[in-house]
Amino acid sequence: MPMDHFVSQVHLKHFYSPLLGNRMYALRKSDLKVFTPDAYSICRTPDGSTNTYLQEERAIEDFLKSIEPKYNKALANIVTDSVDRESIYVLAGFIAYIITCSPAGMRIHSEPFTVSIEETGRILDASGMIPPPPPELGANSLTELLERGTVYAEIDPKYPQAVGISSILELTNSHGNSSWEILINDHRDSPFFTSDYPVAIEKTSDLRILNKIIPLSPSVAVRIRLDILQDTSNLDLSFPRFRHKVRRPQLQEISKINTMIVRCAETTVFFRDNHDWVQRFVRKHSRFRIEPRTQRMPYPGGAVLWSTQEICKI
């Protein structure tokens, strides 16, 4: 049974500490314990890339062969502002893979399927297509049981993973054909963190859009603002709508970005330098994570479902 990494080792190795050799610092959010793993021993699950919902169960591995070997070159290119099509593809694909195949991504993307199934049940119930429940359940309809929480849909996390893998090129396309800010961190005493879900979300003035901030190394991150007007049905991996600018954020913004990285981490934060302030900082923001939120708006014959994500205290 293969142990598949859901955050690529080539990414994690950039966070190795010079004081530790081929290791980095890590802090678990649940118990605030610090340990020093290498890239091989973390962010992996048994058969994580295997998905039996797909005809080709390990199809995602072929995709990763076009991403992981080229990560370092893509990172070097954006640092020197020599962004080319392959660099965009590699980094957008890296992001799409984490969103699709990490435990956090699978958890987050399960809720829209859950809510959709339950809403379908309500519609069928209202149409008289579902018989009354057994009397011992103490309710007159499936809808009543759903409202009470007695009955609920449960999604196999591998199903949203399968949907994501099937559309991995579309996800790569949508992220690559958007607006990027390449953030160069010149503050050596405040390097970027990473995590077991290094895709932080950031609210914008448009409720439909959440920026994504992804640390690529201790000194480089990208902020991606998805272009919701792009034609997602037209796959164009030449990335004609890609736009970018390079910025060097002030220390206050670096701190804000690190706050989001810690809060959006699923279980563990990784960092290169164990400065005096780091453990206090992570502890302060450890009781948060990304939660899916789906709003149900009644509509004749059913409801409109609108799904988003929020950083919530847990």
Protein backbone atom coordinates (compact mmCIF):
# COMPACT_ATOMS: atom_id res chain seq x y z
CA MET A 1 0.00 0.00 0.00
CA PRO A 2 1.68 3.26 -1.10
CA MET A 3 2.00 6.22 1.28
CA ASP A 4 0.95 9.15 -0.89
CA HIS A 5 1.87 12.74 -0.06
CA PHE A 6 -0.99 15.22 -0.31
CA VAL A 7 1.48 18.11 0.05
CA SER A 8 4.43 17.53 -2.23
CA GLN A 9 7.79 16.80 -0.62
CA VAL A 10 9.46 19.17 -3.07
CA HIS A 11 7.42 22.00 -1.51
CA LEU A 12 8.04 20.95 2.09
CA LYS A 13 11.81 20.69 1.61
CA HIS A 14 11.97 24.45 1.06
CA PHE A 15 11.05 24.81 4.75
CA TYR A 16 13.97 22.74 6.05
CA SER A 17 15.81 24.54 8.83
CA PRO A 18 19.54 25.23 8.38
CA LEU A 19 19.91 24.29 12.06
CA LEU A 20 18.26 20.89 11.61
CA GLY A 21 19.71 19.71 8.32
CA ASN A 22 17.08 17.78 6.35
CA ARG A 23 14.29 18.57 8.78
CA MET A 24 11.90 21.37 9.64
CA TYR A 25 10.01 22.56 12.68
CA ALA A 26 6.37 21.51 13.05
CA LEU A 27 3.69 22.41 15.55
CA ARG A 28 0.43 20.49 16.00
CA LYS A 29 -2.51 22.81 16.51
CA SER A 30 -4.38 20.35 18.76
CA ASP A 31 -1.80 20.00 21.54
CA LEU A 32 0.80 22.66 20.56
CA LYS A 33 3.57 20.06 20.53
CA VAL A 34 6.67 20.92 18.53
CA PHE A 35 8.52 18.22 16.59
CA THR A 36 11.08 18.12 13.78
CA PRO A 37 10.03 15.88 10.87
CA ASP A 38 11.49 15.47 7.43
CA ALA A 39 9.39 15.94 4.29
CA TYR A 40 8.97 12.21 3.71
CA SER A 41 7.32 11.47 7.06
CA ILE A 42 4.53 14.09 6.99
CA CYS A 43 1.51 15.07 4.90
CA ARG A 44 0.94 11.55 3.61
CA THR A 45 -1.80 8.95 3.87
CA PRO A 46 -2.02 5.29 2.85
CA ASP A 47 -3.36 5.05 -0.69
CA GLY A 48 -4.17 8.76 -0.59
CA SER A 49 -3.96 9.06 -4.38
CA THR A 50 -6.00 5.92 -5.02
CA ASN A 51 -9.66 6.55 -5.81
CA THR A 52 -11.93 3.61 -6.65
CA TYR A 53 -14.65 5.91 -8.01
CA LEU A 54 -12.41 6.49 -11.02
CA GLN A 55 -11.80 4.09 -13.89
CA GLU A 56 -8.08 4.80 -13.53
CA GLU A 57 -7.74 4.61 -9.76
CA ARG A 58 -4.37 6.38 -9.59
CA ALA A 59 -4.87 8.80 -12.44
CA ILE A 60 -3.73 11.75 -10.33
CA GLU A 61 -0.21 10.29 -10.18
CA ASP A 62 0.22 10.87 -13.91
CA PHE A 63 -0.78 14.50 -13.41
CA LEU A 64 1.75 14.92 -10.59
CA LYS A 65 4.55 13.72 -12.86
CA SER A 66 4.06 16.94 -14.84
CA ILE A 67 4.04 19.09 -11.67
CA GLU A 68 6.40 17.99 -8.92
CA PRO A 69 9.70 17.61 -10.87
CA LYS A 70 9.31 21.17 -12.17
CA TYR A 71 8.29 22.91 -8.93
CA ASN A 72 11.76 24.27 -8.10
CA LYS A 73 12.26 25.72 -11.56
CA ALA A 74 8.81 27.32 -11.51
CA LEU A 75 9.53 28.87 -8.13
CA ALA A 76 12.86 30.23 -9.35
CA ASN A 77 11.16 31.72 -12.40
CA ILE A 78 8.57 33.67 -10.47
CA VAL A 79 11.18 34.97 -8.02
CA THR A 80 13.07 36.49 -10.94
CA ASP A 81 9.82 37.61 -12.60
CA SER A 82 10.51 35.25 -15.51
CA VAL A 83 7.04 33.75 -15.45
CA ASP A 84 6.30 31.46 -18.38
CA ARG A 85 3.46 29.14 -19.33
CA GLU A 86 5.06 26.09 -17.74
CA SER A 87 5.64 27.92 -14.43
CA ILE A 88 1.99 28.95 -14.30
CA TYR A 89 0.88 25.40 -15.10
CA VAL A 90 3.13 23.85 -12.43
CA LEU A 91 2.15 26.21 -9.62
CA ALA A 92 -1.56 26.29 -10.51
CA GLY A 93 -1.49 22.49 -10.72
CA PHE A 94 0.24 22.26 -7.35
CA ILE A 95 -2.56 24.34 -5.82
CA ALA A 96 -5.30 22.38 -7.59
CA TYR A 97 -3.85 19.10 -6.30
CA ILE A 98 -3.84 20.25 -2.66
CA ILE A 99 -7.40 21.56 -2.91
CA THR A 100 -8.51 18.25 -4.43
CA CYS A 101 -6.55 15.54 -2.63
CA SER A 102 -5.62 16.78 0.84
CA PRO A 103 -7.73 15.62 3.81
CA ALA A 104 -8.75 19.23 4.45
CA GLY A 105 -9.80 19.75 0.84
CA MET A 106 -11.82 16.53 0.83
CA ARG A 107 -13.53 17.53 4.10
CA ILE A 108 -14.30 21.06 2.93
CA HIS A 109 -15.71 19.96 -0.41
CA SER A 110 -17.92 17.23 1.06
CA GLU A 111 -20.50 19.65 2.47
CA PRO A 112 -21.89 20.97 -0.85
CA PHE A 113 -22.63 17.37 -1.87
CA THR A 114 -24.24 16.70 1.52
CA VAL A 115 -26.49 19.74 1.29
CA SER A 116 -27.39 18.97 -2.34
CA ILE A 117 -28.46 15.41 -1.48
CA GLU A 118 -30.56 16.59 1.45
CA GLU A 119 -32.21 19.27 -0.69
CA THR A 120 -32.99 16.67 -3.35
CA GLY A 121 -34.65 14.62 -0.61
CA ARG A 122 -36.81 17.58 0.36
CA ILE A 123 -37.87 18.14 -3.25
CA LEU A 124 -38.77 14.48 -3.74
CA ASP A 125 -40.61 14.49 -0.41
CA ALA A 126 -42.64 17.55 -1.40
CA SER A 127 -43.52 15.82 -4.67
CA GLY A 128 -44.91 12.82 -2.82
CA MET A 129 -42.22 10.52 -4.21
CA ILE A 130 -40.94 9.39 -0.79
CA PRO A 131 -43.25 7.36 1.49
CA PRO A 132 -43.84 8.45 5.11
CA PRO A 133 -41.17 7.30 7.56
CA PRO A 134 -41.82 4.49 10.06
CA PRO A 135 -43.95 5.62 13.03
CA GLU A 136 -41.20 4.78 15.51
CA LEU A 137 -39.14 7.67 14.10
CA GLY A 138 -41.78 10.08 15.38
CA ALA A 139 -42.04 12.21 12.26
CA ASN A 140 -44.47 12.58 9.37
CA SER A 141 -41.98 13.11 6.55
CA LEU A 142 -38.37 12.90 5.46
CA THR A 143 -38.24 16.70 5.49
CA GLU A 144 -39.17 16.73 9.17
CA LEU A 145 -36.47 14.18 9.93
CA LEU A 146 -33.92 16.26 8.05
CA GLU A 147 -34.91 19.41 9.93
CA ARG A 148 -34.52 17.60 13.25
CA GLY A 149 -31.18 16.13 12.25
CA THR A 150 -32.48 12.61 12.85
CA VAL A 151 -31.67 11.77 9.23
CA TYR A 152 -28.73 13.24 7.39
CA ALA A 153 -26.60 12.56 4.33
CA GLU A 154 -23.06 11.35 4.80
CA ILE A 155 -20.53 11.73 1.99
CA ASP A 156 -17.53 9.50 1.43
CA PRO A 157 -14.67 12.07 1.22
CA LYS A 158 -13.25 10.07 -1.66
CA TYR A 159 -16.22 11.14 -3.79
CA PRO A 160 -15.41 14.88 -3.85
CA GLN A 161 -11.79 13.85 -4.36
CA ALA A 162 -12.86 11.85 -7.44
CA VAL A 163 -14.80 14.83 -8.79
CA GLY A 164 -11.77 17.05 -8.20
CA ILE A 165 -9.36 14.64 -9.87
CA SER A 166 -11.68 14.36 -12.86
CA SER A 167 -11.60 18.13 -13.21
CA ILE A 168 -7.98 18.75 -12.17
CA LEU A 169 -7.08 20.39 -15.48
CA GLU A 170 -10.12 22.66 -15.24
CA LEU A 171 -9.03 23.69 -11.73
CA THR A 172 -5.50 24.31 -12.99
CA ASN A 173 -6.94 26.33 -15.87
CA SER A 174 -9.13 28.51 -13.63
CA HIS A 175 -6.29 29.31 -11.21
CA GLY A 176 -3.77 29.93 -13.98
CA ASN A 177 -6.10 32.22 -15.92
CA SER A 178 -6.53 34.63 -13.00
CA SER A 179 -4.78 37.54 -11.36
CA TRP A 180 -1.68 36.73 -9.26
CA GLU A 181 0.30 38.79 -6.80
CA ILE A 182 3.78 37.35 -6.32
CA LEU A 183 4.73 38.28 -2.75
CA ILE A 184 8.46 38.47 -2.00
CA ASN A 185 9.17 38.37 1.74
CA ASP A 186 12.32 40.38 2.50
CA HIS A 187 11.81 40.14 6.28
CA ARG A 188 14.23 37.41 7.30
CA ASP A 189 12.97 37.37 10.89
CA SER A 190 9.37 36.75 9.72
CA PRO A 191 9.45 34.09 7.00
CA PHE A 192 6.27 32.54 5.64
CA PHE A 193 4.94 29.38 7.28
CA THR A 194 3.41 26.47 5.45
CA SER A 195 1.08 23.69 6.62
CA ASP A 196 -0.76 20.49 5.81
CA TYR A 197 -3.26 22.68 3.94
CA PRO A 198 -1.20 25.59 2.59
CA VAL A 199 -4.10 27.31 0.84
CA ALA A 200 -5.25 30.21 3.00
CA ILE A 201 -8.46 32.02 2.13
CA GLU A 202 -9.04 35.77 2.30
CA LYS A 203 -12.32 37.64 2.06
CA THR A 204 -12.74 40.31 -0.63
CA SER A 205 -15.24 43.08 -1.28
CA ASP A 206 -17.03 40.67 -3.65
CA LEU A 207 -18.86 37.98 -1.66
CA ARG A 208 -18.47 35.59 -4.60
CA ILE A 209 -14.68 35.69 -4.48
CA LEU A 210 -12.24 34.39 -1.90
CA ASN A 211 -8.61 35.16 -2.57
CA LYS A 212 -6.23 32.25 -2.09
CA ILE A 213 -2.82 32.84 -0.54
CA ILE A 214 -0.30 30.03 -0.98
CA PRO A 215 3.18 30.01 0.55
CA LEU A 216 5.66 28.53 -1.91
CA SER A 217 8.79 28.93 0.22
CA PRO A 218 9.71 30.90 3.36
CA SER A 219 10.36 33.94 1.18
CA VAL A 220 7.74 33.62 -1.58
CA ALA A 221 3.95 33.38 -1.62
CA VAL A 222 1.24 34.06 -4.19
CA ARG A 223 -2.16 35.66 -3.77
CA ILE A 224 -4.62 34.51 -6.45
CA ARG A 225 -7.85 36.34 -7.18
CA LEU A 226 -9.96 34.01 -9.30
CA ASP A 227 -11.48 35.51 -12.41
CA ILE A 228 -15.14 34.53 -12.08
CA LEU A 229 -15.91 35.92 -15.54
CA GLN A 230 -13.63 33.54 -17.39
CA ASP A 231 -15.14 30.89 -19.62
CA THR A 232 -14.35 27.79 -17.56
CA SER A 233 -15.75 25.53 -20.27
CA ASN A 234 -12.91 26.60 -22.56
CA LEU A 235 -9.73 24.87 -21.39
CA ASP A 236 -6.74 27.00 -22.41
CA LEU A 237 -3.52 26.01 -20.69
CA SER A 238 -1.60 28.69 -22.55
CA PHE A 239 -3.12 30.93 -19.84
CA PRO A 240 -4.04 33.97 -21.96
CA ARG A 241 -5.90 35.62 -19.05
CA PHE A 242 -3.00 35.30 -16.60
CA ARG A 243 -2.02 38.61 -15.06
CA HIS A 244 0.54 39.23 -12.35
CA LYS A 245 2.53 41.76 -10.42
CA VAL A 246 5.41 41.41 -7.98
CA ARG A 247 5.15 43.00 -4.55
CA ARG A 248 7.33 43.18 -1.45
CA PRO A 249 4.86 43.43 1.45
CA GLN A 250 5.59 45.35 4.63
CA LEU A 251 6.02 43.45 7.89
CA GLN A 252 2.41 44.08 8.95
CA GLU A 253 1.08 42.35 5.85
CA ILE A 254 3.52 39.45 6.28
CA SER A 255 2.14 38.95 9.78
CA LYS A 256 -1.42 39.03 8.46
CA ILE A 257 -0.60 36.42 5.81
CA ASN A 258 1.05 34.15 8.37
CA THR A 259 -2.02 34.52 10.56
CA MET A 260 -4.20 33.22 7.72
CA ILE A 261 -1.77 30.39 6.95
CA VAL A 262 -1.88 29.20 10.57
CA ARG A 263 -5.63 29.57 10.89
CA CYS A 264 -6.28 27.68 7.64
CA ALA A 265 -3.90 24.83 8.47
CA GLU A 266 -5.85 21.63 9.09
CA THR A 267 -3.78 20.08 11.89
CA THR A 268 -0.11 21.11 11.62
CA VAL A 269 1.98 24.19 10.87
CA PHE A 270 5.53 23.88 9.46
CA PHE A 271 8.26 26.51 9.67
CA ARG A 272 11.93 26.92 8.88
CA ASP A 273 13.08 29.16 11.72
CA ASN A 274 12.11 28.65 15.35
CA HIS A 275 12.24 32.30 16.37
CA ASP A 276 11.22 33.23 19.92
CA TRP A 277 7.88 34.59 18.75
CA VAL A 278 6.82 31.69 16.52
CA GLN A 279 5.32 29.30 19.07
CA ARG A 280 3.36 32.10 20.78
CA PHE A 281 2.10 33.26 17.39
CA VAL A 282 0.93 29.80 16.31
CA ARG A 283 -0.66 29.16 19.71
CA LYS A 284 -2.66 32.39 19.41
CA HIS A 285 -4.16 31.35 16.07
CA SER A 286 -4.32 27.58 16.52
CA ARG A 287 -8.02 27.30 17.39
CA PHE A 288 -9.22 28.07 13.88
CA ARG A 289 -9.71 26.20 10.63
CA ILE A 290 -11.59 26.51 7.34
CA GLU A 291 -15.24 25.48 7.52
CA PRO A 292 -17.58 25.10 4.53
CA ARG A 293 -20.76 27.14 4.62
CA THR A 294 -23.77 26.54 2.39
CA GLN A 295 -26.70 28.95 2.39
CA ARG A 296 -30.11 27.63 1.41
CA MET A 297 -32.39 30.20 -0.23
CA PRO A 298 -35.97 28.98 -0.86
CA TYR A 299 -37.06 29.06 -4.48
CA PRO A 300 -40.28 27.82 -6.16
CA GLY A 301 -39.96 24.06 -6.42
CA GLY A 302 -36.84 23.84 -4.27
CA ALA A 303 -33.99 26.09 -3.18
CA VAL A 304 -30.90 27.85 -4.46
CA LEU A 305 -27.76 26.61 -2.72
CA TRP A 306 -24.78 28.94 -2.37
CA SER A 307 -21.57 27.47 -0.97
CA THR A 308 -18.52 29.30 0.36
CA GLN A 309 -15.82 28.89 2.99
CA GLU A 310 -15.03 30.73 6.21
CA ILE A 311 -12.21 30.78 8.74
CA CYS A 312 -13.97 29.77 11.97
CA LYS A 313 -12.97 29.31 15.57
CA ILE A 314 -13.25 25.72 16.74
